[in-house]
Amino acid sequence: MIEAKKAAARQMAELAKKSAADTLHRHRHPPPKYMDMPETTGDPEVDDRATLSAVQSGFRERAKTEADRFTLATDSEYWACVCFQTREQKEAFLAALNILKFGDKYLDGELVAKELGVTLPSADVPYNTSAKVDRKWLEFVKPTNRRK
C-alpha cells in the first residue's frame, strides 16, 4: 500500500515537472504572431478593408523578416584568415598569443577574443526552430514505396 502511494506521488511529481517545463518553454518561445488584426467596427466593408490591409501588412513584414534571415544565414563575411610561410611560423604565432590551445587551424573567434581581452559586440544569431520538416531530410526516415 505504501509503495503504491510512493509510486503515485513520484508519478504526480514527474507530471508536475513536465507541466512546469512545458509552461516555461511556451513562455520562452511564444508562438509567432503573424499579424495584428484590427478592431471590428460593425461595418463589413470597413472591417474587410482593414482586415485585408492587416493581412497584406503581415505578408510584407514576413517577407522582410525572411529576407533578413536569408541575409544572415548566407553571410560569408564572418571569418578571417592569417597565412604564414611555414607551419613553424604559424605555430609560433599562435603560441605567442597563447591561443594554440584552441586549435591550430580553425579557432573559435569568441574564445580567441576572450583570451586576448577583446570585447566583441553581442551577436543574437537566430536559428530555425520551426517545426517545419525539410522534405529532403524526411526521405531518410520515411519508408519508400519502390517497386522491385
Protein backbone atom coordinates (compact mmCIF):
# COMPACT_ATOMS: atom_id res chain seq x y z
CA MET A 1 0.00 0.00 0.00
CA ILE A 2 2.80 2.41 0.94
CA GLU A 3 4.76 1.50 -2.21
CA ALA A 4 1.70 2.26 -4.37
CA LYS A 5 1.32 5.68 -2.72
CA LYS A 6 5.02 6.39 -3.23
CA ALA A 7 4.76 5.40 -6.89
CA ALA A 8 1.69 7.61 -7.34
CA ALA A 9 3.49 10.53 -5.65
CA ARG A 10 6.53 10.05 -7.92
CA GLN A 11 4.28 9.96 -10.97
CA MET A 12 2.48 13.16 -9.88
CA ALA A 13 5.85 14.86 -9.27
CA GLU A 14 7.04 13.87 -12.75
CA LEU A 15 3.82 15.20 -14.30
CA ALA A 16 4.22 18.47 -12.38
CA LYS A 17 7.84 18.80 -13.59
CA LYS A 18 6.80 18.16 -17.19
CA SER A 19 3.96 20.67 -16.94
CA ALA A 20 6.31 23.30 -15.50
CA ALA A 21 8.88 22.64 -18.23
CA ASP A 22 6.19 22.91 -20.93
CA THR A 23 4.92 26.19 -19.47
CA LEU A 24 8.46 27.58 -19.29
CA HIS A 25 9.11 26.55 -22.90
CA ARG A 26 5.92 28.25 -24.11
CA HIS A 27 6.87 31.47 -22.32
CA ARG A 28 10.41 31.44 -23.72
CA HIS A 29 9.23 30.54 -27.21
CA PRO A 30 5.77 32.04 -27.76
CA PRO A 31 4.04 31.11 -30.98
CA PRO A 32 4.77 33.55 -33.79
CA LYS A 33 2.27 36.34 -34.23
CA TYR A 34 1.77 36.77 -37.95
CA MET A 35 -0.32 39.94 -37.88
CA ASP A 36 -2.21 42.35 -35.68
CA MET A 37 -5.90 42.11 -36.51
CA PRO A 38 -7.79 45.41 -36.45
CA GLU A 39 -10.73 46.08 -34.16
CA THR A 40 -14.10 45.49 -35.78
CA THR A 41 -16.38 48.47 -36.39
CA GLY A 42 -19.55 46.63 -37.36
CA ASP A 43 -19.38 47.94 -40.94
CA PRO A 44 -18.48 44.90 -43.10
CA GLU A 45 -16.94 46.99 -45.87
CA VAL A 46 -14.67 48.93 -43.48
CA ASP A 47 -13.83 45.79 -41.49
CA ASP A 48 -12.97 43.77 -44.62
CA ARG A 49 -10.75 46.56 -45.96
CA ALA A 50 -8.96 46.83 -42.60
CA THR A 51 -8.55 43.03 -42.39
CA LEU A 52 -7.16 42.85 -45.93
CA SER A 53 -4.75 45.66 -45.11
CA ALA A 54 -3.62 43.82 -41.96
CA VAL A 55 -3.10 40.58 -43.91
CA GLN A 56 -1.09 42.38 -46.60
CA SER A 57 0.97 44.12 -43.92
CA GLY A 58 1.60 40.73 -42.27
CA PHE A 59 2.82 39.26 -45.56
CA ARG A 60 5.10 42.25 -46.19
CA GLU A 61 6.56 42.01 -42.69
CA ARG A 62 7.07 38.25 -43.05
CA ALA A 63 8.80 38.75 -46.40
CA LYS A 64 11.11 41.35 -44.83
CA THR A 65 11.86 39.06 -41.88
CA GLU A 66 12.63 36.18 -44.25
CA ALA A 67 14.91 38.40 -46.36
CA ASP A 68 16.78 39.45 -43.20
CA ARG A 69 17.06 35.82 -42.07
CA PHE A 70 18.33 34.77 -45.50
CA THR A 71 20.97 37.51 -45.49
CA LEU A 72 22.14 36.45 -42.04
CA ALA A 73 22.17 32.75 -42.97
CA THR A 74 24.14 33.27 -46.17
CA ASP A 75 26.59 35.94 -44.98
CA SER A 76 30.10 34.59 -45.52
CA GLU A 77 31.99 37.53 -44.06
CA TYR A 78 32.25 36.20 -40.52
CA TRP A 79 35.75 34.76 -40.69
CA ALA A 80 39.33 35.87 -41.25
CA CYS A 81 42.48 34.12 -42.44
CA VAL A 82 46.10 34.69 -41.39
CA CYS A 83 48.77 33.00 -43.50
CA PHE A 84 52.45 32.31 -42.86
CA GLN A 85 55.31 30.91 -44.89
CA THR A 86 55.73 27.79 -42.74
CA ARG A 87 53.89 25.69 -40.20
CA GLU A 88 56.52 26.60 -37.59
CA GLN A 89 55.79 30.33 -38.09
CA LYS A 90 52.08 29.73 -37.66
CA GLU A 91 52.53 27.66 -34.50
CA ALA A 92 54.98 30.21 -33.03
CA PHE A 93 52.45 32.96 -33.69
CA LEU A 94 49.56 31.05 -32.10
CA ALA A 95 51.75 30.05 -29.13
CA ALA A 96 52.91 33.66 -28.61
CA LEU A 97 49.28 34.78 -28.42
CA ASN A 98 48.51 31.83 -26.13
CA ILE A 99 45.74 30.64 -28.43
CA LEU A 100 47.28 27.40 -29.71
CA LYS A 101 45.21 25.65 -27.02
CA PHE A 102 42.08 26.48 -29.07
CA GLY A 103 43.38 24.67 -32.15
CA ASP A 104 45.97 25.11 -34.84
CA LYS A 105 43.81 25.75 -37.87
CA TYR A 106 40.18 26.61 -37.13
CA LEU A 107 39.73 28.59 -33.93
CA ASP A 108 36.60 29.81 -32.19
CA GLY A 109 36.76 33.59 -32.56
CA GLU A 110 34.91 34.22 -29.31
CA LEU A 111 37.42 32.14 -27.34
CA VAL A 112 40.37 33.85 -29.01
CA ALA A 113 38.89 37.31 -28.40
CA LYS A 114 38.28 36.47 -24.73
CA GLU A 115 41.84 35.19 -24.36
CA LEU A 116 43.23 38.37 -25.92
CA GLY A 117 40.96 40.64 -23.85
CA VAL A 118 38.97 41.83 -26.85
CA THR A 119 35.34 42.75 -26.22
CA LEU A 120 33.14 41.68 -29.11
CA PRO A 121 29.72 43.15 -29.89
CA SER A 122 26.93 40.81 -28.89
CA ALA A 123 25.53 38.56 -31.58
CA ASP A 124 21.99 37.25 -31.30
CA VAL A 125 22.01 34.79 -34.18
CA PRO A 126 18.60 33.15 -34.51
CA TYR A 127 18.41 29.55 -35.60
CA ASN A 128 15.49 27.96 -37.39
CA THR A 129 13.42 26.43 -34.62
CA SER A 130 10.27 25.94 -36.64
CA ALA A 131 8.60 22.56 -36.65
CA LYS A 132 8.59 22.57 -40.45
CA VAL A 133 10.35 19.45 -41.70
CA ASP A 134 12.52 19.63 -44.80
CA ARG A 135 11.18 17.08 -47.32
CA LYS A 136 14.68 16.12 -48.44
CA TRP A 137 15.64 15.11 -44.91
CA LEU A 138 12.32 13.36 -44.41
CA GLU A 139 13.25 10.91 -47.17
CA PHE A 140 15.94 9.49 -44.88
CA VAL A 141 13.38 8.35 -42.31
CA LYS A 142 10.32 7.77 -44.45
CA PRO A 143 9.90 4.32 -45.97
CA THR A 144 9.91 4.45 -49.75
CA ASN A 145 7.31 2.78 -51.88
CA ARG A 146 9.61 1.44 -54.57
CA ARG A 147 8.62 -1.38 -56.86
CA LYS A 148 11.01 -4.26 -57.02
